[in-house]
Amino acid sequence: MKFVSIRIITGNLPQLVEFYEKVTGITAEWSNDVFAEVRTANGTLALADERTVPLFAPGSSRPGENQSVIIEFQVDDVDSVYERLRDHLDELVKEPTTLPWGNRSLLFRDPDGNMVNFFTPVTPEAIKKFAR
């Protein structure tokens, strides 16, 4: 099995694409007017307009209602990323903080309310874990 992507269903695709392009520095690849992807070396963040939901199953997904998933991106230096983004984040959840498992994390929400974690491994154990 190969993990490929996480898909976010949104009611405002242009806004969400612009947000993720700004915070990641990656230009999204648009397939059409209802679907775009932010591709990284290890996986893809797929962004889809709510008009795509009936293609899967009508009513199976609702934009802006996630309260349980955290979308995570590993970055080289979370503190410098925070300095770059701090004036562009509408909802900061937590400034960079070193967590018990050895990652220094910046938590914020995207325009749809999804939690995003930018992190840098900082302890020897965490650095070793992510060096694979």
Protein backbone atom coordinates (compact mmCIF):
# COMPACT_ATOMS: atom_id res chain seq x y z
CA MET A 1 0.00 0.00 0.00
CA LYS A 2 1.17 3.53 -0.75
CA PHE A 3 -0.20 6.57 1.07
CA VAL A 4 -0.86 9.21 -1.59
CA SER A 5 -2.82 12.20 -0.30
CA ILE A 6 -5.21 13.89 2.05
CA ARG A 7 -8.14 15.67 0.40
CA ILE A 8 -9.84 18.71 1.87
CA ILE A 9 -13.32 19.54 0.62
CA THR A 10 -13.94 23.29 0.69
CA GLY A 11 -16.63 25.81 -0.13
CA ASN A 12 -14.02 28.30 -1.36
CA LEU A 13 -11.38 26.51 -3.41
CA PRO A 14 -9.51 29.59 -4.71
CA GLN A 15 -9.10 30.92 -1.15
CA LEU A 16 -7.86 27.60 0.24
CA VAL A 17 -5.45 27.06 -2.66
CA GLU A 18 -4.05 30.57 -2.21
CA PHE A 19 -3.62 29.95 1.54
CA TYR A 20 -1.69 26.68 1.09
CA GLU A 21 0.45 28.18 -1.67
CA LYS A 22 1.35 31.05 0.67
CA VAL A 23 2.15 28.95 3.73
CA THR A 24 4.01 26.14 1.92
CA GLY A 25 5.68 28.17 -0.82
CA ILE A 26 4.51 25.51 -3.31
CA THR A 27 2.48 26.41 -6.38
CA ALA A 28 -0.64 24.26 -6.61
CA GLU A 29 -1.31 22.23 -9.72
CA TRP A 30 -4.87 22.79 -10.93
CA SER A 31 -6.53 19.89 -12.77
CA ASN A 32 -9.69 21.91 -13.45
CA ASP A 33 -11.83 24.52 -11.68
CA VAL A 34 -12.88 22.11 -8.89
CA PHE A 35 -9.60 20.37 -8.00
CA ALA A 36 -6.01 21.36 -7.23
CA GLU A 37 -3.03 19.67 -5.57
CA VAL A 38 -0.14 20.90 -3.46
CA ARG A 39 2.51 18.24 -4.09
CA THR A 40 5.42 17.62 -1.77
CA ALA A 41 8.18 15.01 -2.01
CA ASN A 42 6.32 12.69 0.39
CA GLY A 43 2.64 13.24 -0.31
CA THR A 44 -0.02 15.46 -1.75
CA LEU A 45 -2.53 17.82 -0.21
CA ALA A 46 -5.52 17.57 -2.54
CA LEU A 47 -7.99 20.46 -2.45
CA ALA A 48 -11.44 20.01 -3.93
CA ASP A 49 -14.52 22.15 -4.31
CA GLU A 50 -17.65 20.92 -2.54
CA ARG A 51 -19.15 20.34 -6.00
CA THR A 52 -17.02 17.16 -6.19
CA VAL A 53 -18.76 15.49 -3.23
CA PRO A 54 -21.68 14.04 -5.24
CA LEU A 55 -19.13 12.28 -7.46
CA PHE A 56 -18.18 10.15 -4.44
CA ALA A 57 -21.49 10.00 -2.59
CA PRO A 58 -23.97 12.86 -2.10
CA GLY A 59 -23.71 14.33 1.41
CA SER A 60 -20.67 12.24 2.35
CA SER A 61 -18.48 15.27 3.14
CA ARG A 62 -19.17 18.79 4.37
CA PRO A 63 -16.65 21.63 4.13
CA GLY A 64 -15.35 23.37 7.22
CA GLU A 65 -16.49 20.76 9.76
CA ASN A 66 -13.22 18.98 10.61
CA GLN A 67 -12.27 19.11 14.28
CA SER A 68 -10.16 15.97 14.58
CA VAL A 69 -7.43 15.92 11.92
CA ILE A 70 -4.14 17.83 11.96
CA ILE A 71 -2.40 18.35 8.61
CA GLU A 72 1.34 18.18 9.22
CA PHE A 73 4.31 19.48 7.26
CA GLN A 74 7.93 19.01 8.32
CA VAL A 75 9.99 22.17 7.74
CA ASP A 76 13.70 22.92 8.14
CA ASP A 77 13.27 25.68 10.73
CA VAL A 78 9.83 26.19 12.24
CA ASP A 79 10.86 29.40 14.01
CA SER A 80 11.89 31.12 10.78
CA VAL A 81 8.71 29.86 9.08
CA TYR A 82 6.71 31.37 11.94
CA GLU A 83 8.45 34.72 11.49
CA ARG A 84 7.62 34.62 7.76
CA LEU A 85 3.96 33.67 8.31
CA ARG A 86 2.99 35.32 11.59
CA ASP A 87 1.27 38.32 9.96
CA HIS A 88 -0.57 36.10 7.44
CA LEU A 89 -2.20 33.62 9.82
CA ASP A 90 -5.80 34.44 10.70
CA GLU A 91 -5.99 31.87 13.49
CA LEU A 92 -2.81 31.06 15.35
CA VAL A 93 -3.38 28.11 17.71
CA LYS A 94 0.08 27.90 19.29
CA GLU A 95 3.36 29.66 18.64
CA PRO A 96 6.41 27.42 18.10
CA THR A 97 6.74 25.13 21.11
CA THR A 98 8.87 22.05 21.70
CA LEU A 99 6.58 19.12 22.40
CA PRO A 100 7.38 16.09 24.60
CA TRP A 101 8.10 13.83 21.58
CA GLY A 102 10.87 16.13 20.33
CA ASN A 103 9.26 18.21 17.62
CA ARG A 104 9.11 21.98 17.70
CA SER A 105 5.62 22.76 16.39
CA LEU A 106 3.68 25.74 15.08
CA LEU A 107 -0.10 25.19 15.09
CA PHE A 108 -2.59 27.29 13.15
CA ARG A 109 -5.87 26.91 11.26
CA ASP A 110 -6.49 27.27 7.55
CA PRO A 111 -9.42 29.41 6.28
CA ASP A 112 -11.78 26.40 6.61
CA GLY A 113 -10.76 25.79 10.24
CA ASN A 114 -8.57 22.74 9.60
CA MET A 115 -5.64 22.50 12.02
CA VAL A 116 -2.18 22.70 10.45
CA ASN A 117 1.10 21.78 12.16
CA PHE A 118 4.44 22.93 10.80
CA PHE A 119 7.17 21.17 12.77
CA THR A 120 10.91 20.66 13.00
CA PRO A 121 12.42 17.67 14.82
CA VAL A 122 14.81 19.07 17.44
CA THR A 123 15.77 16.27 19.84
CA PRO A 124 18.23 13.55 18.77
CA GLU A 125 15.45 10.94 18.88
CA ALA A 126 13.07 13.01 16.75
CA ILE A 127 15.83 13.91 14.28
CA LYS A 128 16.73 10.22 13.94
CA LYS A 129 13.07 9.25 13.44
CA PHE A 130 12.60 11.69 10.55
CA ALA A 131 16.01 11.03 8.94
CA ARG A 132 14.65 7.82 7.36
